[in-house]
Amino acid sequence: MTYSKSTSSRPSTARVCLAILGVACVGLAPARAGAQAHPKAATAAQIDSLTAQEKEMLAIANDFAKRCAVTMERWITNKETTEEKLFASLYYPIPKTDPPKFTADWDGLSDRDILAVEENVLAKSSAIVFAVMVDKNGYLPTHNQRYSQPLTGDRALDLRNSRSKRMFLDETGLAAAKSQAPFLFQRYQRDTGEALIDLSVPLFIRGVQWGAVRIGYRPAGGS
C-alpha cells in the first residue's frame, strides 16, 4: 500500500479564525455541501494490494463506521436530534480552552453512545492508539476515554490527554474527514509527536456522507 504522507501540524487559517471568534457560535459550510451520496465500494484489486495488518484494520474500520451510522440514525428515529442538526456544522466555543474546544447541538448524544463504540474498537488490537468519529469539518465530538481527561491548564499535558471536542484541521485530519474514497491510509506525525498510520473510512448518515471514522495505529514492525 502506498501511503499519503502528511507531517504538517501547523494550524490552518480556519482553525485560527475559529479561535479568534471566542464565545460566538461558529458556523462552517454545512456538511451536506458537496457531500457524497452513497458509499463507494473498494475494488478487489484495492483490497488485494493491502498487507495483512491493513486488511485487519480496514475490516475493523468498516464495522466501526457501520456501528456509528446505526447509532446516529437511531438518534434521528428516536427524535433525540434531527438530520438537519447533525449536518448543520454549528459549533459553540467552550470558553477558556486551549487548544479551543467546541460543543454542538448533538455532542452530548455522542458522549453517551459513541464513546462505548470507540472503546470497543480500541480493544480489538494493541496496535490501535485511537479510534474516533469526526464530521466533514474535522470536528471530533467524543475522543477515547484515555484522551478525554479534564483540562489541567498545562497546555502540553492537555494537548495529549484532553482531545475531545476539538477541531482537527491539520492536513491529515481534514483529508481523513473529507475523503470520498472507500478508505484512506495516511502516514503522519500527530501533534503529540507520535508517528502513526491514520486509516479513515467515510461515514454515511441516511445515504449521505457526514464525515468519517479514523483509526490511528502503529504499523507492524514499526516501519
N, C-alpha and C. Protein backbone atom coordinates (compact mmCIF):
# COMPACT_ATOMS: atom_id res chain seq x y z
N MET A 1 0.84 -1.20 0.00
CA MET A 1 0.00 0.00 0.00
C MET A 1 0.88 1.25 0.00
N THR A 2 0.56 2.18 -0.89
CA THR A 2 1.24 3.47 -0.92
C THR A 2 0.50 4.44 -0.01
N TYR A 3 1.23 5.05 0.90
CA TYR A 3 0.59 5.94 1.86
C TYR A 3 0.68 7.38 1.41
N SER A 4 -0.40 8.11 1.71
CA SER A 4 -0.33 9.56 1.61
C SER A 4 0.44 10.03 2.82
N LYS A 5 1.42 10.88 2.64
CA LYS A 5 2.25 11.32 3.75
C LYS A 5 1.91 12.75 4.15
N SER A 6 1.73 12.96 5.44
CA SER A 6 1.45 14.31 5.94
C SER A 6 2.14 14.48 7.27
N THR A 7 3.04 15.43 7.36
CA THR A 7 3.77 15.66 8.59
C THR A 7 3.50 17.04 9.16
N SER A 8 2.69 17.85 8.46
CA SER A 8 2.42 19.21 8.92
C SER A 8 1.49 19.21 10.11
N SER A 9 1.86 19.91 11.18
CA SER A 9 0.99 20.06 12.34
C SER A 9 0.59 21.51 12.52
N ARG A 10 0.91 22.37 11.54
CA ARG A 10 0.61 23.79 11.65
C ARG A 10 -0.89 24.01 11.50
N PRO A 11 -1.53 24.79 12.38
CA PRO A 11 -2.96 25.03 12.26
C PRO A 11 -3.27 25.73 10.95
N SER A 12 -4.42 25.41 10.37
CA SER A 12 -4.85 26.09 9.15
C SER A 12 -5.43 27.44 9.50
N THR A 13 -5.66 28.27 8.47
CA THR A 13 -6.28 29.57 8.69
C THR A 13 -7.62 29.43 9.35
N ALA A 14 -8.38 28.40 8.94
CA ALA A 14 -9.71 28.20 9.52
C ALA A 14 -9.62 28.00 11.02
N ARG A 15 -8.62 27.24 11.47
CA ARG A 15 -8.50 26.99 12.89
C ARG A 15 -8.20 28.27 13.66
N VAL A 16 -7.33 29.10 13.10
CA VAL A 16 -7.01 30.36 13.75
C VAL A 16 -8.25 31.24 13.85
N CYS A 17 -9.04 31.29 12.77
CA CYS A 17 -10.26 32.10 12.78
C CYS A 17 -11.24 31.59 13.83
N LEU A 18 -11.36 30.28 13.97
CA LEU A 18 -12.25 29.73 14.97
C LEU A 18 -11.85 30.18 16.36
N ALA A 19 -10.55 30.18 16.63
CA ALA A 19 -10.06 30.58 17.94
C ALA A 19 -10.36 32.05 18.21
N ILE A 20 -10.22 32.91 17.20
CA ILE A 20 -10.43 34.33 17.37
C ILE A 20 -11.88 34.64 17.69
N LEU A 21 -12.82 33.82 17.19
CA LEU A 21 -14.23 34.12 17.38
C LEU A 21 -14.68 33.99 18.83
N GLY A 22 -13.88 33.36 19.66
CA GLY A 22 -14.16 33.32 21.09
C GLY A 22 -15.45 32.60 21.42
N VAL A 23 -16.40 33.31 22.05
CA VAL A 23 -17.61 32.67 22.54
C VAL A 23 -18.74 32.69 21.52
N ALA A 24 -18.54 33.24 20.35
CA ALA A 24 -19.60 33.30 19.35
C ALA A 24 -19.85 31.91 18.77
N CYS A 25 -21.08 31.71 18.33
CA CYS A 25 -21.40 30.46 17.64
C CYS A 25 -20.67 30.45 16.31
N VAL A 26 -20.01 29.34 16.01
CA VAL A 26 -19.24 29.22 14.78
C VAL A 26 -20.01 28.35 13.80
N GLY A 27 -20.26 28.87 12.62
CA GLY A 27 -20.93 28.09 11.59
C GLY A 27 -20.01 27.92 10.39
N LEU A 28 -19.73 26.69 10.01
CA LEU A 28 -18.94 26.42 8.82
C LEU A 28 -19.88 25.93 7.72
N ALA A 29 -19.33 25.67 6.57
CA ALA A 29 -20.16 25.17 5.47
C ALA A 29 -20.88 23.91 5.91
N PRO A 30 -22.19 23.83 5.67
CA PRO A 30 -22.93 22.63 6.09
C PRO A 30 -22.29 21.37 5.56
N ALA A 31 -22.28 20.33 6.38
CA ALA A 31 -21.63 19.08 5.99
C ALA A 31 -22.26 18.46 4.75
N ARG A 32 -23.49 18.82 4.44
CA ARG A 32 -24.15 18.28 3.25
C ARG A 32 -23.57 18.88 1.97
N ALA A 33 -22.96 20.08 2.07
CA ALA A 33 -22.46 20.75 0.88
C ALA A 33 -21.39 19.89 0.21
N GLY A 34 -21.63 19.47 -1.01
CA GLY A 34 -20.67 18.65 -1.74
C GLY A 34 -20.54 17.24 -1.21
N ALA A 35 -21.46 16.84 -0.34
CA ALA A 35 -21.35 15.52 0.27
C ALA A 35 -21.63 14.43 -0.75
N GLN A 36 -20.92 13.35 -0.61
CA GLN A 36 -21.11 12.20 -1.49
C GLN A 36 -22.36 11.45 -1.06
N ALA A 37 -23.17 11.08 -2.01
CA ALA A 37 -24.35 10.27 -1.72
C ALA A 37 -24.01 8.81 -1.99
N HIS A 38 -24.19 7.98 -0.97
CA HIS A 38 -23.95 6.55 -1.03
C HIS A 38 -22.45 6.21 -1.10
N PRO A 39 -22.03 5.23 -0.34
CA PRO A 39 -20.61 4.88 -0.27
C PRO A 39 -20.10 4.20 -1.53
N LYS A 40 -18.81 4.43 -1.82
CA LYS A 40 -18.14 3.73 -2.91
C LYS A 40 -17.58 2.42 -2.36
N ALA A 41 -17.69 1.36 -3.12
CA ALA A 41 -17.15 0.08 -2.70
C ALA A 41 -15.70 -0.05 -3.15
N ALA A 42 -14.88 -0.62 -2.27
CA ALA A 42 -13.49 -0.88 -2.64
C ALA A 42 -13.45 -2.01 -3.67
N THR A 43 -12.54 -1.91 -4.63
CA THR A 43 -12.41 -2.95 -5.64
C THR A 43 -11.59 -4.10 -5.09
N ALA A 44 -11.71 -5.24 -5.75
CA ALA A 44 -10.92 -6.41 -5.34
C ALA A 44 -9.43 -6.12 -5.44
N ALA A 45 -9.04 -5.36 -6.47
CA ALA A 45 -7.62 -5.04 -6.65
C ALA A 45 -7.12 -4.16 -5.50
N GLN A 46 -7.95 -3.23 -5.06
CA GLN A 46 -7.57 -2.37 -3.93
C GLN A 46 -7.37 -3.21 -2.67
N ILE A 47 -8.27 -4.11 -2.43
CA ILE A 47 -8.17 -4.96 -1.23
C ILE A 47 -6.94 -5.87 -1.32
N ASP A 48 -6.71 -6.44 -2.49
CA ASP A 48 -5.60 -7.37 -2.66
C ASP A 48 -4.25 -6.68 -2.46
N SER A 49 -4.20 -5.36 -2.67
CA SER A 49 -2.93 -4.64 -2.54
C SER A 49 -2.55 -4.37 -1.09
N LEU A 50 -3.45 -4.65 -0.17
CA LEU A 50 -3.21 -4.34 1.24
C LEU A 50 -2.40 -5.44 1.93
N THR A 51 -1.67 -5.04 2.94
CA THR A 51 -0.96 -6.00 3.78
C THR A 51 -1.96 -6.67 4.73
N ALA A 52 -1.53 -7.70 5.41
CA ALA A 52 -2.41 -8.39 6.36
C ALA A 52 -2.89 -7.44 7.45
N GLN A 53 -1.99 -6.60 7.96
CA GLN A 53 -2.40 -5.66 9.00
C GLN A 53 -3.39 -4.63 8.46
N GLU A 54 -3.14 -4.14 7.25
CA GLU A 54 -4.04 -3.16 6.65
C GLU A 54 -5.44 -3.75 6.44
N LYS A 55 -5.50 -5.01 6.01
CA LYS A 55 -6.80 -5.67 5.83
C LYS A 55 -7.52 -5.81 7.18
N GLU A 56 -6.75 -6.15 8.21
CA GLU A 56 -7.34 -6.28 9.55
C GLU A 56 -7.92 -4.94 10.00
N MET A 57 -7.14 -3.88 9.85
CA MET A 57 -7.58 -2.56 10.30
C MET A 57 -8.76 -2.06 9.47
N LEU A 58 -8.75 -2.35 8.17
CA LEU A 58 -9.85 -1.91 7.32
C LEU A 58 -11.15 -2.61 7.72
N ALA A 59 -11.09 -3.89 8.02
CA ALA A 59 -12.29 -4.61 8.46
C ALA A 59 -12.83 -3.99 9.75
N ILE A 60 -11.93 -3.65 10.67
CA ILE A 60 -12.34 -3.02 11.93
C ILE A 60 -12.97 -1.65 11.64
N ALA A 61 -12.36 -0.87 10.75
CA ALA A 61 -12.85 0.47 10.45
C ALA A 61 -14.21 0.43 9.76
N ASN A 62 -14.41 -0.51 8.85
CA ASN A 62 -15.70 -0.61 8.17
C ASN A 62 -16.81 -0.94 9.15
N ASP A 63 -16.54 -1.85 10.07
CA ASP A 63 -17.53 -2.19 11.10
C ASP A 63 -17.77 -1.00 12.02
N PHE A 64 -16.72 -0.28 12.36
CA PHE A 64 -16.79 0.92 13.20
C PHE A 64 -17.72 1.95 12.56
N ALA A 65 -17.53 2.21 11.27
CA ALA A 65 -18.36 3.19 10.56
C ALA A 65 -19.83 2.77 10.55
N LYS A 66 -20.07 1.49 10.32
CA LYS A 66 -21.45 1.00 10.30
C LYS A 66 -22.12 1.17 11.67
N ARG A 67 -21.39 0.88 12.73
CA ARG A 67 -21.96 1.00 14.07
C ARG A 67 -22.25 2.45 14.43
N CYS A 68 -21.37 3.36 14.02
CA CYS A 68 -21.61 4.78 14.27
C CYS A 68 -22.84 5.25 13.49
N ALA A 69 -22.96 4.82 12.24
CA ALA A 69 -24.10 5.22 11.42
C ALA A 69 -25.41 4.73 12.02
N VAL A 70 -25.43 3.48 12.44
CA VAL A 70 -26.64 2.92 13.05
C VAL A 70 -27.02 3.71 14.30
N THR A 71 -26.02 4.04 15.11
CA THR A 71 -26.27 4.79 16.35
C THR A 71 -26.83 6.17 16.05
N MET A 72 -26.24 6.88 15.10
CA MET A 72 -26.67 8.24 14.80
C MET A 72 -28.04 8.27 14.12
N GLU A 73 -28.31 7.29 13.27
CA GLU A 73 -29.62 7.22 12.65
C GLU A 73 -30.69 6.89 13.68
N ARG A 74 -30.32 6.16 14.72
CA ARG A 74 -31.26 5.87 15.80
C ARG A 74 -31.63 7.16 16.56
N TRP A 75 -30.64 8.07 16.72
CA TRP A 75 -30.96 9.36 17.35
C TRP A 75 -32.07 10.08 16.58
N ILE A 76 -31.97 10.04 15.26
CA ILE A 76 -32.97 10.71 14.42
C ILE A 76 -34.32 10.02 14.55
N THR A 77 -34.31 8.69 14.46
CA THR A 77 -35.55 7.92 14.56
C THR A 77 -36.25 8.16 15.90
N ASN A 78 -35.45 8.25 16.96
CA ASN A 78 -36.00 8.45 18.31
C ASN A 78 -36.28 9.91 18.63
N LYS A 79 -36.04 10.78 17.64
CA LYS A 79 -36.30 12.22 17.79
C LYS A 79 -35.45 12.86 18.89
N GLU A 80 -34.25 12.32 19.10
CA GLU A 80 -33.32 12.93 20.05
C GLU A 80 -32.54 14.07 19.41
N THR A 81 -32.44 14.03 18.11
CA THR A 81 -31.89 15.13 17.32
C THR A 81 -32.50 15.02 15.94
N THR A 82 -32.08 15.89 15.04
CA THR A 82 -32.61 15.85 13.68
C THR A 82 -31.46 15.70 12.68
N GLU A 83 -31.81 15.25 11.51
CA GLU A 83 -30.83 15.15 10.44
C GLU A 83 -30.24 16.53 10.14
N GLU A 84 -31.10 17.55 10.18
CA GLU A 84 -30.66 18.91 9.91
C GLU A 84 -29.60 19.37 10.91
N LYS A 85 -29.79 19.06 12.18
CA LYS A 85 -28.82 19.46 13.20
C LYS A 85 -27.50 18.72 13.03
N LEU A 86 -27.57 17.45 12.68
CA LEU A 86 -26.34 16.68 12.51
C LEU A 86 -25.50 17.21 11.35
N PHE A 87 -26.16 17.75 10.33
CA PHE A 87 -25.46 18.26 9.16
C PHE A 87 -25.26 19.78 9.19
N ALA A 88 -25.68 20.44 10.26
CA ALA A 88 -25.70 21.91 10.28
C ALA A 88 -24.32 22.55 10.40
N SER A 89 -23.35 21.85 10.96
CA SER A 89 -22.00 22.39 11.14
C SER A 89 -21.99 23.65 12.00
N LEU A 90 -22.76 23.63 13.07
CA LEU A 90 -22.75 24.72 14.05
C LEU A 90 -21.99 24.27 15.29
N TYR A 91 -21.03 25.09 15.73
CA TYR A 91 -20.18 24.75 16.86
C TYR A 91 -20.16 25.92 17.83
N TYR A 92 -20.21 25.60 19.13
CA TYR A 92 -20.27 26.62 20.17
C TYR A 92 -18.99 26.57 20.99
N PRO A 93 -18.16 27.60 20.88
CA PRO A 93 -16.87 27.58 21.59
C PRO A 93 -17.03 27.45 23.10
N ILE A 94 -16.21 26.60 23.68
CA ILE A 94 -16.14 26.46 25.14
C ILE A 94 -15.13 27.48 25.65
N PRO A 95 -15.54 28.41 26.48
CA PRO A 95 -14.63 29.48 26.92
C PRO A 95 -13.38 28.95 27.62
N LYS A 96 -12.30 29.68 27.44
CA LYS A 96 -11.05 29.44 28.14
C LYS A 96 -10.51 28.03 27.92
N THR A 97 -10.55 27.56 26.67
CA THR A 97 -9.96 26.27 26.33
C THR A 97 -8.84 26.49 25.33
N ASP A 98 -7.71 25.82 25.56
CA ASP A 98 -6.55 25.96 24.70
C ASP A 98 -5.82 24.62 24.63
N PRO A 99 -5.86 23.96 23.44
CA PRO A 99 -6.46 24.36 22.18
C PRO A 99 -7.98 24.52 22.30
N PRO A 100 -8.59 25.32 21.41
CA PRO A 100 -10.03 25.58 21.51
C PRO A 100 -10.87 24.31 21.41
N LYS A 101 -11.93 24.28 22.23
CA LYS A 101 -12.89 23.18 22.19
C LYS A 101 -14.27 23.75 21.89
N PHE A 102 -15.15 22.87 21.38
CA PHE A 102 -16.48 23.30 20.96
C PHE A 102 -17.53 22.24 21.34
N THR A 103 -18.72 22.71 21.61
CA THR A 103 -19.86 21.81 21.72
C THR A 103 -20.69 21.94 20.45
N ALA A 104 -21.64 21.04 20.28
CA ALA A 104 -22.57 21.08 19.16
C ALA A 104 -23.95 20.76 19.72
N ASP A 105 -24.97 20.86 18.89
CA ASP A 105 -26.33 20.59 19.36
C ASP A 105 -26.53 19.12 19.73
N TRP A 106 -25.62 18.27 19.32
CA TRP A 106 -25.82 16.83 19.48
C TRP A 106 -24.64 16.13 20.14
N ASP A 107 -23.62 16.85 20.59
CA ASP A 107 -22.41 16.17 21.07
C ASP A 107 -22.64 15.40 22.37
N GLY A 108 -23.66 15.79 23.15
CA GLY A 108 -23.98 15.03 24.35
C GLY A 108 -24.43 13.61 24.02
N LEU A 109 -25.14 13.46 22.90
CA LEU A 109 -25.55 12.13 22.45
C LEU A 109 -24.32 11.31 22.07
N SER A 110 -23.35 11.96 21.45
CA SER A 110 -22.12 11.28 21.08
C SER A 110 -21.37 10.80 22.33
N ASP A 111 -21.30 11.67 23.34
CA ASP A 111 -20.64 11.28 24.58
C ASP A 111 -21.34 10.07 25.20
N ARG A 112 -22.64 10.04 25.10
CA ARG A 112 -23.42 8.96 25.71
C ARG A 112 -23.28 7.64 24.96
N ASP A 113 -23.27 7.69 23.62
CA ASP A 113 -23.38 6.46 22.83
C ASP A 113 -22.15 6.09 22.01
N ILE A 114 -21.44 7.09 21.47
CA ILE A 114 -20.32 6.78 20.57
C ILE A 114 -19.08 6.35 21.34
N LEU A 115 -18.89 6.87 22.55
CA LEU A 115 -17.71 6.52 23.34
C LEU A 115 -17.58 5.01 23.49
N ALA A 116 -18.68 4.33 23.80
CA ALA A 116 -18.63 2.87 24.00
C ALA A 116 -18.23 2.16 22.71
N VAL A 117 -18.70 2.68 21.57
CA VAL A 117 -18.33 2.09 20.28
C VAL A 117 -16.83 2.26 20.04
N GLU A 118 -16.33 3.46 20.32
CA GLU A 118 -14.90 3.73 20.13
C GLU A 118 -14.04 2.87 21.05
N GLU A 119 -14.46 2.73 22.30
CA GLU A 119 -13.68 1.93 23.24
C GLU A 119 -13.63 0.46 22.82
N ASN A 120 -14.72 -0.02 22.23
CA ASN A 120 -14.76 -1.39 21.73
C ASN A 120 -13.75 -1.58 20.60
N VAL A 121 -13.63 -0.57 19.73
CA VAL A 121 -12.65 -0.63 18.64
C VAL A 121 -11.23 -0.65 19.20
N LEU A 122 -10.96 0.20 20.17
CA LEU A 122 -9.63 0.24 20.79
C LEU A 122 -9.22 -1.12 21.32
N ALA A 123 -10.18 -1.85 21.86
CA ALA A 123 -9.88 -3.14 22.49
C ALA A 123 -9.58 -4.25 21.48
N LYS A 124 -9.80 -4.00 20.20
CA LYS A 124 -9.64 -5.04 19.19
C LYS A 124 -8.17 -5.32 18.83
N SER A 125 -7.28 -4.36 19.08
CA SER A 125 -5.87 -4.57 18.74
C SER A 125 -4.99 -3.69 19.60
N SER A 126 -3.89 -4.24 20.08
CA SER A 126 -2.95 -3.45 20.87
C SER A 126 -2.21 -2.43 20.02
N ALA A 127 -2.29 -2.58 18.69
CA ALA A 127 -1.63 -1.63 17.79
C ALA A 127 -2.42 -0.32 17.66
N ILE A 128 -3.70 -0.35 18.00
CA ILE A 128 -4.56 0.82 17.82
C ILE A 128 -4.30 1.83 18.94
N VAL A 129 -4.00 3.06 18.56
CA VAL A 129 -3.72 4.14 19.51
C VAL A 129 -4.97 4.99 19.75
N PHE A 130 -5.75 5.21 18.70
CA PHE A 130 -7.01 5.93 18.87
C PHE A 130 -8.02 5.46 17.84
N ALA A 131 -9.30 5.63 18.16
CA ALA A 131 -10.39 5.31 17.25
C ALA A 131 -11.47 6.35 17.49
N VAL A 132 -11.74 7.19 16.49
CA VAL A 132 -12.64 8.32 16.69
C VAL A 132 -13.56 8.51 15.49
N MET A 133 -14.60 9.32 15.72
CA MET A 133 -15.55 9.72 14.69
C MET A 133 -15.44 11.23 14.52
N VAL A 134 -15.36 11.71 13.27
CA VAL A 134 -15.28 13.15 13.00
C VAL A 134 -16.28 13.52 11.92
N ASP A 135 -16.75 14.78 11.94
CA ASP A 135 -17.59 15.22 10.84
C ASP A 135 -16.72 15.76 9.72
N LYS A 136 -17.32 16.24 8.63
CA LYS A 136 -16.55 16.63 7.45
C LYS A 136 -15.72 17.88 7.67
N ASN A 137 -15.98 18.60 8.76
CA ASN A 137 -15.19 19.79 9.07
C ASN A 137 -14.04 19.50 10.03
N GLY A 138 -13.87 18.22 10.40
CA GLY A 138 -12.80 17.85 11.32
C GLY A 138 -13.18 17.94 12.77
N TYR A 139 -14.47 18.18 13.07
CA TYR A 139 -14.92 18.26 14.46
C TYR A 139 -15.00 16.87 15.06
N LEU A 140 -14.37 16.71 16.23
CA LEU A 140 -14.31 15.43 16.92
C LEU A 140 -15.08 15.58 18.24
N PRO A 141 -16.33 15.14 18.29
CA PRO A 141 -17.16 15.37 19.48
C PRO A 141 -16.75 14.57 20.70
N THR A 142 -16.30 13.35 20.48
CA THR A 142 -16.03 12.43 21.61
C THR A 142 -14.78 11.62 21.32
N HIS A 143 -13.73 11.90 22.07
CA HIS A 143 -12.50 11.13 21.89
C HIS A 143 -12.53 9.92 22.83
N ASN A 144 -11.53 9.07 22.71
CA ASN A 144 -11.43 7.91 23.59
C ASN A 144 -11.26 8.34 25.03
N GLN A 145 -11.64 7.47 25.94
CA GLN A 145 -11.61 7.82 27.36
C GLN A 145 -10.22 8.27 27.81
N ARG A 146 -9.20 7.61 27.30
CA ARG A 146 -7.83 7.93 27.72
C ARG A 146 -7.42 9.34 27.28
N TYR A 147 -8.09 9.86 26.24
CA TYR A 147 -7.76 11.20 25.74
C TYR A 147 -8.86 12.22 26.07
N SER A 148 -9.69 11.89 27.03
CA SER A 148 -10.79 12.78 27.41
C SER A 148 -10.68 13.21 28.86
N GLN A 149 -9.45 13.45 29.29
CA GLN A 149 -9.21 13.84 30.67
C GLN A 149 -9.57 15.32 30.88
N PRO A 150 -9.90 15.70 32.12
CA PRO A 150 -10.22 17.10 32.40
C PRO A 150 -9.03 18.01 32.10
N LEU A 151 -9.33 19.23 31.68
CA LEU A 151 -8.28 20.20 31.43
C LEU A 151 -7.53 20.53 32.71
N THR A 152 -6.22 20.70 32.59
CA THR A 152 -5.39 20.99 33.76
C THR A 152 -4.84 22.41 33.74
N GLY A 153 -4.87 23.05 32.57
CA GLY A 153 -4.24 24.36 32.42
C GLY A 153 -2.82 24.27 31.90
N ASP A 154 -2.27 23.06 31.90
CA ASP A 154 -0.95 22.81 31.32
C ASP A 154 -1.17 22.44 29.86
N ARG A 155 -0.85 23.36 28.93
CA ARG A 155 -1.20 23.15 27.53
C ARG A 155 -0.57 21.88 26.95
N ALA A 156 0.68 21.63 27.28
CA ALA A 156 1.37 20.46 26.75
C ALA A 156 0.68 19.17 27.21
N LEU A 157 0.27 19.15 28.48
CA LEU A 157 -0.42 17.98 29.02
C LEU A 157 -1.81 17.85 28.43
N ASP A 158 -2.50 18.97 28.31
CA ASP A 158 -3.86 18.94 27.77
C ASP A 158 -3.88 18.58 26.30
N LEU A 159 -2.85 18.97 25.56
CA LEU A 159 -2.76 18.64 24.15
C LEU A 159 -2.77 17.14 23.95
N ARG A 160 -2.14 16.44 24.87
CA ARG A 160 -2.03 14.98 24.77
C ARG A 160 -3.24 14.26 25.37
N ASN A 161 -3.76 14.76 26.48
CA ASN A 161 -4.74 13.99 27.26
C ASN A 161 -6.16 14.52 27.25
N SER A 162 -6.39 15.71 26.67
CA SER A 162 -7.74 16.28 26.66
C SER A 162 -8.08 16.69 25.23
N ARG A 163 -8.49 15.72 24.41
CA ARG A 163 -8.60 15.94 22.97
C ARG A 163 -10.03 15.93 22.44
N SER A 164 -11.00 15.69 23.30
CA SER A 164 -12.40 15.70 22.85
C SER A 164 -12.84 17.11 22.48
N LYS A 165 -13.79 17.16 21.56
CA LYS A 165 -14.49 18.41 21.18
C LYS A 165 -13.58 19.44 20.53
N ARG A 166 -12.52 18.96 19.92
CA ARG A 166 -11.62 19.85 19.18
C ARG A 166 -11.89 19.76 17.68
N MET A 167 -11.46 20.79 16.96
CA MET A 167 -11.48 20.79 15.51
C MET A 167 -10.09 20.36 15.04
N PHE A 168 -9.99 19.25 14.36
CA PHE A 168 -8.70 18.77 13.86
C PHE A 168 -8.58 19.20 12.39
N LEU A 169 -7.95 20.36 12.21
CA LEU A 169 -7.87 21.00 10.91
C LEU A 169 -6.50 20.88 10.25
N ASP A 170 -5.67 19.98 10.78
CA ASP A 170 -4.39 19.73 10.14
C ASP A 170 -4.63 19.01 8.82
N GLU A 171 -3.60 18.94 8.01
CA GLU A 171 -3.73 18.35 6.67
C GLU A 171 -4.26 16.92 6.72
N THR A 172 -3.71 16.12 7.62
CA THR A 172 -4.12 14.73 7.72
C THR A 172 -5.56 14.62 8.20
N GLY A 173 -5.90 15.41 9.21
CA GLY A 173 -7.24 15.35 9.78
C GLY A 173 -8.32 15.72 8.78
N LEU A 174 -8.10 16.78 8.00
CA LEU A 174 -9.10 17.20 7.03
C LEU A 174 -9.18 16.23 5.86
N ALA A 175 -8.04 15.69 5.44
CA ALA A 175 -8.07 14.70 4.36
C ALA A 175 -8.89 13.48 4.79
N ALA A 176 -8.70 13.05 6.03
CA ALA A 176 -9.46 11.91 6.54
C ALA A 176 -10.95 12.23 6.61
N ALA A 177 -11.29 13.41 7.10
CA ALA A 177 -12.68 13.79 7.29
C ALA A 177 -13.44 13.94 5.98
N LYS A 178 -12.75 14.40 4.94
CA LYS A 178 -13.41 14.74 3.68
C LYS A 178 -13.26 13.69 2.58
N SER A 179 -12.38 12.73 2.77
CA SER A 179 -12.11 11.76 1.69
C SER A 179 -13.38 11.01 1.29
N GLN A 180 -13.57 10.88 -0.02
CA GLN A 180 -14.70 10.12 -0.54
C GLN A 180 -14.28 8.73 -1.02
N ALA A 181 -13.01 8.40 -0.86
CA ALA A 181 -12.53 7.07 -1.23
C ALA A 181 -13.05 6.04 -0.25
N PRO A 182 -13.13 4.77 -0.64
CA PRO A 182 -13.62 3.73 0.27
C PRO A 182 -12.77 3.63 1.54
N PHE A 183 -11.49 3.97 1.42
CA PHE A 183 -10.60 4.03 2.58
C PHE A 183 -9.40 4.89 2.22
N LEU A 184 -8.76 5.42 3.25
CA LEU A 184 -7.57 6.25 3.05
C LEU A 184 -6.57 5.94 4.15
N PHE A 185 -5.38 5.51 3.75
CA PHE A 185 -4.27 5.32 4.68
C PHE A 185 -3.33 6.51 4.56
N GLN A 186 -2.96 7.11 5.70
CA GLN A 186 -2.01 8.21 5.71
C GLN A 186 -0.96 7.97 6.79
N ARG A 187 0.28 8.15 6.43
CA ARG A 187 1.36 8.08 7.41
C ARG A 187 1.62 9.50 7.89
N TYR A 188 1.57 9.71 9.19
CA TYR A 188 1.72 11.08 9.66
C TYR A 188 2.24 11.12 11.09
N GLN A 189 2.58 12.33 11.52
CA GLN A 189 3.04 12.56 12.88
C GLN A 189 1.98 13.38 13.60
N ARG A 190 1.45 12.84 14.69
CA ARG A 190 0.44 13.55 15.46
C ARG A 190 1.03 14.81 16.08
N ASP A 191 0.16 15.70 16.53
CA ASP A 191 0.64 16.91 17.20
C ASP A 191 1.24 16.60 18.56
N THR A 192 1.13 15.33 18.99
CA THR A 192 1.78 14.89 20.22
C THR A 192 3.16 14.31 19.96
N GLY A 193 3.53 14.18 18.67
CA GLY A 193 4.86 13.68 18.31
C GLY A 193 4.90 12.23 17.88
N GLU A 194 3.79 11.48 18.06
CA GLU A 194 3.77 10.07 17.69
C GLU A 194 3.67 9.89 16.17
N ALA A 195 4.43 8.95 15.63
CA ALA A 195 4.34 8.62 14.21
C ALA A 195 3.41 7.42 14.06
N LEU A 196 2.32 7.60 13.31
CA LEU A 196 1.29 6.57 13.19
C LEU A 196 0.82 6.45 11.75
N ILE A 197 0.01 5.40 11.52
CA ILE A 197 -0.77 5.29 10.31
C ILE A 197 -2.20 5.70 10.67
N ASP A 198 -2.76 6.59 9.88
CA ASP A 198 -4.15 7.01 10.07
C ASP A 198 -4.99 6.37 8.97
N LEU A 199 -5.94 5.56 9.38
CA LEU A 199 -6.87 4.94 8.44
C LEU A 199 -8.24 5.58 8.62
N SER A 200 -8.82 6.08 7.54
CA SER A 200 -10.16 6.65 7.62
C SER A 200 -11.08 5.96 6.62
N VAL A 201 -12.34 5.87 7.02
CA VAL A 201 -13.40 5.30 6.18
C VAL A 201 -14.58 6.26 6.27
N PRO A 202 -15.20 6.62 5.14
CA PRO A 202 -16.32 7.56 5.18
C PRO A 202 -17.49 7.04 6.03
N LEU A 203 -18.18 7.97 6.66
CA LEU A 203 -19.33 7.67 7.50
C LEU A 203 -20.57 8.30 6.85
N PHE A 204 -21.56 7.49 6.57
CA PHE A 204 -22.77 7.94 5.89
C PHE A 204 -23.97 7.91 6.82
N ILE A 205 -24.75 8.99 6.80
CA ILE A 205 -26.00 9.06 7.56
C ILE A 205 -27.13 9.13 6.55
N ARG A 206 -27.98 8.13 6.57
CA ARG A 206 -29.10 8.04 5.64
C ARG A 206 -28.64 8.25 4.19
N GLY A 207 -27.53 7.63 3.85
CA GLY A 207 -27.06 7.63 2.49
C GLY A 207 -26.25 8.83 2.06
N VAL A 208 -25.99 9.78 2.98
CA VAL A 208 -25.22 10.98 2.66
C VAL A 208 -23.97 11.02 3.53
N GLN A 209 -22.83 11.34 2.93
CA GLN A 209 -21.58 11.36 3.70
C GLN A 209 -21.62 12.48 4.74
N TRP A 210 -21.42 12.09 5.99
CA TRP A 210 -21.43 13.03 7.11
C TRP A 210 -20.01 13.37 7.56
N GLY A 211 -19.13 12.41 7.47
CA GLY A 211 -17.75 12.57 7.93
C GLY A 211 -17.01 11.27 7.77
N ALA A 212 -16.33 10.84 8.82
CA ALA A 212 -15.53 9.62 8.72
C ALA A 212 -15.24 9.06 10.10
N VAL A 213 -14.83 7.82 10.12
CA VAL A 213 -14.20 7.26 11.31
C VAL A 213 -12.71 7.20 11.03
N ARG A 214 -11.92 7.40 12.06
CA ARG A 214 -10.47 7.38 11.93
C ARG A 214 -9.89 6.41 12.96
N ILE A 215 -8.96 5.60 12.51
CA ILE A 215 -8.21 4.71 13.40
C ILE A 215 -6.73 5.02 13.23
N GLY A 216 -6.09 5.39 14.32
CA GLY A 216 -4.65 5.61 14.31
C GLY A 216 -3.96 4.40 14.91
N TYR A 217 -3.01 3.84 14.19
CA TYR A 217 -2.37 2.61 14.70
C TYR A 217 -0.89 2.59 14.38
N ARG A 218 -0.17 1.78 15.15
CA ARG A 218 1.27 1.60 14.94
C ARG A 218 1.45 0.50 13.88
N PRO A 219 2.24 0.76 12.86
CA PRO A 219 2.44 -0.25 11.81
C PRO A 219 3.21 -1.44 12.34
N ALA A 220 2.91 -2.62 11.80
CA ALA A 220 3.61 -3.83 12.20
C ALA A 220 5.10 -3.69 11.93
N GLY A 221 5.90 -4.06 12.86
CA GLY A 221 7.36 -3.95 12.69
C GLY A 221 7.89 -2.56 12.90
N GLY A 222 6.99 -1.61 13.18
CA GLY A 222 7.43 -0.24 13.43
C GLY A 222 7.90 0.49 12.19
N SER A 223 7.56 -0.04 10.99
CA SER A 223 8.01 0.58 9.74
C SER A 223 7.09 1.70 9.32
